Amino acid sequence: MTVTQEWEKTTQPVRDTKKKPPGATQSGSSGRQGMFIRLDPDDKQRAKYWADRRGFSSVNEYVAEAVVEKIRRENLDYDLPTLEIARLNELVDQVAALAKNSANLERVVTTGFDSLIGLTRGDNYLLDDEDGELG
């Protein structure tokens, strides 16, 4: 499944969003039971906004879907959004680059100390006598 398909899957409601005819009971053929909740007026307005934006037939359908999604998150059964995956990949790349830089720094320091030890012993090519010729 591609990232686009995964994103579409996460943004689409899981339940059927058909409108119920007036007077239909809540527990109809779906086998669902009714529940009463109280929301802050601001939260209710936000829920209505997102229910309309996501294409739910009512705020109740949106809240039912939100409860199912919250339970899935509590069970650690959810997909990581694309931005989180991209950030995690970026962090992995940064750690790999840091490890490479550390290895290079270790090599430079070791080579530098080897050169200093060679100079103190007097067995370095820089201490050889010159004969006046270039090359």
C-alpha atoms as a PDB file:
ATOM      1  CA  MET A   1       0.000   0.000   0.000  1.00  0.00           C
ATOM      2  CA  THR A   2       1.402   3.392  -0.941  1.00  0.00           C
ATOM      3  CA  VAL A   3       1.727   6.358   1.409  1.00  0.00           C
ATOM      4  CA  THR A   4      -1.089   8.148  -0.445  1.00  0.00           C
ATOM      5  CA  GLN A   5      -3.412   5.180   0.006  1.00  0.00           C
ATOM      6  CA  GLU A   6      -2.509   4.996   3.692  1.00  0.00           C
ATOM      7  CA  TRP A   7      -3.244   8.716   4.102  1.00  0.00           C
ATOM      8  CA  GLU A   8      -6.605   8.392   2.340  1.00  0.00           C
ATOM      9  CA  LYS A   9      -7.420   5.412   4.543  1.00  0.00           C
ATOM     10  CA  THR A  10      -6.727   7.395   7.718  1.00  0.00           C
ATOM     11  CA  THR A  11      -8.756  10.419   6.614  1.00  0.00           C
ATOM     12  CA  GLN A  12     -11.841   8.469   5.553  1.00  0.00           C
ATOM     13  CA  PRO A  13     -14.483   7.493   8.124  1.00  0.00           C
ATOM     14  CA  VAL A  14     -14.443   3.804   8.983  1.00  0.00           C
ATOM     15  CA  ARG A  15     -18.200   3.548   9.448  1.00  0.00           C
ATOM     16  CA  ASP A  16     -20.881   4.033   6.841  1.00  0.00           C
ATOM     17  CA  THR A  17     -22.003   7.670   6.868  1.00  0.00           C
ATOM     18  CA  LYS A  18     -25.480   7.340   5.350  1.00  0.00           C
ATOM     19  CA  LYS A  19     -28.067   9.665   6.825  1.00  0.00           C
ATOM     20  CA  LYS A  20     -30.773   7.973   8.877  1.00  0.00           C
ATOM     21  CA  PRO A  21     -34.376   8.756   8.056  1.00  0.00           C
ATOM     22  CA  PRO A  22     -36.236  10.883  10.606  1.00  0.00           C
ATOM     23  CA  GLY A  23     -37.551   8.789  13.477  1.00  0.00           C
ATOM     24  CA  ALA A  24     -35.065   5.930  12.968  1.00  0.00           C
ATOM     25  CA  THR A  25     -33.776   4.376  16.159  1.00  0.00           C
ATOM     26  CA  GLN A  26     -30.124   4.598  17.109  1.00  0.00           C
ATOM     27  CA  SER A  27     -29.656   0.866  17.629  1.00  0.00           C
ATOM     28  CA  GLY A  28     -31.279  -0.123  14.285  1.00  0.00           C
ATOM     29  CA  SER A  29     -29.636  -2.830  12.217  1.00  0.00           C
ATOM     30  CA  SER A  30     -26.084  -1.771  13.113  1.00  0.00           C
ATOM     31  CA  GLY A  31     -26.356  -3.218  16.623  1.00  0.00           C
ATOM     32  CA  ARG A  32     -24.925  -0.071  18.170  1.00  0.00           C
ATOM     33  CA  GLN A  33     -26.136   1.248  21.491  1.00  0.00           C
ATOM     34  CA  GLY A  34     -26.891   4.840  22.348  1.00  0.00           C
ATOM     35  CA  MET A  35     -24.853   6.918  24.777  1.00  0.00           C
ATOM     36  CA  PHE A  36     -25.267  10.376  26.254  1.00  0.00           C
ATOM     37  CA  ILE A  37     -22.276  12.705  26.571  1.00  0.00           C
ATOM     38  CA  ARG A  38     -21.862  16.321  27.571  1.00  0.00           C
ATOM     39  CA  LEU A  39     -19.380  18.546  25.734  1.00  0.00           C
ATOM     40  CA  ASP A  40     -18.147  22.030  26.315  1.00  0.00           C
ATOM     41  CA  PRO A  41     -19.816  24.373  23.761  1.00  0.00           C
ATOM     42  CA  ASP A  42     -16.437  25.088  22.118  1.00  0.00           C
ATOM     43  CA  ASP A  43     -15.667  21.371  21.823  1.00  0.00           C
ATOM     44  CA  LYS A  44     -19.120  20.707  20.381  1.00  0.00           C
ATOM     45  CA  GLN A  45     -18.613  23.450  17.786  1.00  0.00           C
ATOM     46  CA  ARG A  46     -15.209  22.011  16.817  1.00  0.00           C
ATOM     47  CA  ALA A  47     -16.697  18.507  16.584  1.00  0.00           C
ATOM     48  CA  LYS A  48     -19.450  19.820  14.315  1.00  0.00           C
ATOM     49  CA  TYR A  49     -16.884  21.617  12.136  1.00  0.00           C
ATOM     50  CA  TRP A  50     -14.745  18.482  11.712  1.00  0.00           C
ATOM     51  CA  ALA A  51     -17.775  16.233  11.222  1.00  0.00           C
ATOM     52  CA  ASP A  52     -18.910  18.464   8.349  1.00  0.00           C
ATOM     53  CA  ARG A  53     -15.409  18.716   6.936  1.00  0.00           C
ATOM     54  CA  ARG A  54     -14.851  14.929   7.001  1.00  0.00           C
ATOM     55  CA  GLY A  55     -18.255  14.173   5.498  1.00  0.00           C
ATOM     56  CA  PHE A  56     -19.980  12.599   8.493  1.00  0.00           C
ATOM     57  CA  SER A  57     -23.768  12.717   8.510  1.00  0.00           C
ATOM     58  CA  SER A  58     -23.890  13.965  12.100  1.00  0.00           C
ATOM     59  CA  VAL A  59     -21.776  14.949  15.053  1.00  0.00           C
ATOM     60  CA  ASN A  60     -22.821  11.691  16.737  1.00  0.00           C
ATOM     61  CA  GLU A  61     -21.249   9.677  13.909  1.00  0.00           C
ATOM     62  CA  TYR A  62     -18.068  11.741  14.243  1.00  0.00           C
ATOM     63  CA  VAL A  63     -17.933  11.246  18.023  1.00  0.00           C
ATOM     64  CA  ALA A  64     -18.519   7.489  17.634  1.00  0.00           C
ATOM     65  CA  GLU A  65     -15.635   7.348  15.153  1.00  0.00           C
ATOM     66  CA  ALA A  66     -13.463   9.429  17.500  1.00  0.00           C
ATOM     67  CA  VAL A  67     -14.083   6.953  20.329  1.00  0.00           C
ATOM     68  CA  VAL A  68     -13.126   4.017  18.090  1.00  0.00           C
ATOM     69  CA  GLU A  69      -9.965   5.833  16.968  1.00  0.00           C
ATOM     70  CA  LYS A  70      -9.012   6.702  20.564  1.00  0.00           C
ATOM     71  CA  ILE A  71      -9.401   3.064  21.603  1.00  0.00           C
ATOM     72  CA  ARG A  72      -7.174   2.008  18.677  1.00  0.00           C
ATOM     73  CA  ARG A  73      -4.523   4.524  19.793  1.00  0.00           C
ATOM     74  CA  GLU A  74      -4.706   3.237  23.379  1.00  0.00           C
ATOM     75  CA  ASN A  75      -4.097  -0.262  21.989  1.00  0.00           C
ATOM     76  CA  LEU A  76      -1.122   1.105  19.965  1.00  0.00           C
ATOM     77  CA  ASP A  77      -2.880   0.098  16.752  1.00  0.00           C
ATOM     78  CA  TYR A  78      -2.328   3.080  14.461  1.00  0.00           C
ATOM     79  CA  ASP A  79      -0.278   4.120  11.447  1.00  0.00           C
ATOM     80  CA  LEU A  80       2.362   6.802  11.685  1.00  0.00           C
ATOM     81  CA  PRO A  81       1.539   9.878   9.610  1.00  0.00           C
ATOM     82  CA  THR A  82       3.864  10.796   6.778  1.00  0.00           C
ATOM     83  CA  LEU A  83       5.439  13.748   8.594  1.00  0.00           C
ATOM     84  CA  GLU A  84       6.426  11.615  11.566  1.00  0.00           C
ATOM     85  CA  ILE A  85       7.974   9.001   9.274  1.00  0.00           C
ATOM     86  CA  ALA A  86       9.892  11.691   7.384  1.00  0.00           C
ATOM     87  CA  ARG A  87      11.175  13.224  10.632  1.00  0.00           C
ATOM     88  CA  LEU A  88      12.234   9.822  11.958  1.00  0.00           C
ATOM     89  CA  ASN A  89      14.105   9.103   8.711  1.00  0.00           C
ATOM     90  CA  GLU A  90      15.786  12.504   8.973  1.00  0.00           C
ATOM     91  CA  LEU A  91      16.923  11.751  12.515  1.00  0.00           C
ATOM     92  CA  VAL A  92      18.292   8.354  11.440  1.00  0.00           C
ATOM     93  CA  ASP A  93      20.264  10.050   8.653  1.00  0.00           C
ATOM     94  CA  GLN A  94      21.622  12.631  11.088  1.00  0.00           C
ATOM     95  CA  VAL A  95      22.782   9.943  13.516  1.00  0.00           C
ATOM     96  CA  ALA A  96      24.517   8.084  10.661  1.00  0.00           C
ATOM     97  CA  ALA A  97      26.266  11.308   9.580  1.00  0.00           C
ATOM     98  CA  LEU A  98      27.301  11.989  13.170  1.00  0.00           C
ATOM     99  CA  ALA A  99      28.806   8.492  13.450  1.00  0.00           C
ATOM    100  CA  LYS A 100      30.738   9.027  10.204  1.00  0.00           C
ATOM    101  CA  ASN A 101      32.031  12.427  11.382  1.00  0.00           C
ATOM    102  CA  SER A 102      33.090  10.900  14.690  1.00  0.00           C
ATOM    103  CA  ALA A 103      35.020   8.151  12.878  1.00  0.00           C
ATOM    104  CA  ASN A 104      36.743  10.758  10.677  1.00  0.00           C
ATOM    105  CA  LEU A 105      37.651  12.851  13.721  1.00  0.00           C
ATOM    106  CA  GLU A 106      39.091   9.784  15.436  1.00  0.00           C
ATOM    107  CA  ARG A 107      41.201   9.015  12.353  1.00  0.00           C
ATOM    108  CA  VAL A 108      42.542  12.602  12.150  1.00  0.00           C
ATOM    109  CA  VAL A 109      43.418  12.706  15.861  1.00  0.00           C
ATOM    110  CA  THR A 110      45.143   9.311  15.714  1.00  0.00           C
ATOM    111  CA  THR A 111      47.150  10.328  12.643  1.00  0.00           C
ATOM    112  CA  GLY A 112      48.112  13.637  14.272  1.00  0.00           C
ATOM    113  CA  PHE A 113      49.349  11.935  17.427  1.00  0.00           C
ATOM    114  CA  ASP A 114      51.290   9.393  15.345  1.00  0.00           C
ATOM    115  CA  SER A 115      52.985  12.295  13.529  1.00  0.00           C
ATOM    116  CA  LEU A 116      53.871  14.019  16.811  1.00  0.00           C
ATOM    117  CA  ILE A 117      55.302  10.824  18.244  1.00  0.00           C
ATOM    118  CA  GLY A 118      57.315  10.340  15.058  1.00  0.00           C
ATOM    119  CA  LEU A 119      58.699  13.881  15.327  1.00  0.00           C
ATOM    120  CA  THR A 120      59.804  13.336  18.922  1.00  0.00           C
ATOM    121  CA  ARG A 121      61.584  10.127  17.962  1.00  0.00           C
ATOM    122  CA  GLY A 122      63.329  11.785  15.067  1.00  0.00           C
ATOM    123  CA  ASP A 123      62.181   9.279  12.446  1.00  0.00           C
ATOM    124  CA  ASN A 124      60.033  11.681  10.433  1.00  0.00           C
ATOM    125  CA  TYR A 125      60.757  12.511   6.789  1.00  0.00           C
ATOM    126  CA  LEU A 126      60.519  16.218   7.633  1.00  0.00           C
ATOM    127  CA  LEU A 127      63.733  15.944   9.685  1.00  0.00           C
ATOM    128  CA  ASP A 128      65.850  14.536   6.827  1.00  0.00           C
ATOM    129  CA  ASP A 129      68.784  16.664   5.612  1.00  0.00           C
ATOM    130  CA  GLU A 130      68.243  18.551   2.398  1.00  0.00           C
ATOM    131  CA  ASP A 131      70.695  18.311  -0.480  1.00  0.00           C
ATOM    132  CA  GLY A 132      69.526  21.544  -2.110  1.00  0.00           C
ATOM    133  CA  GLU A 133      67.582  19.935  -4.966  1.00  0.00           C
ATOM    134  CA  LEU A 134      63.856  20.263  -5.489  1.00  0.00           C
ATOM    135  CA  GLY A 135      61.998  17.113  -6.287  1.00  0.00           C
END
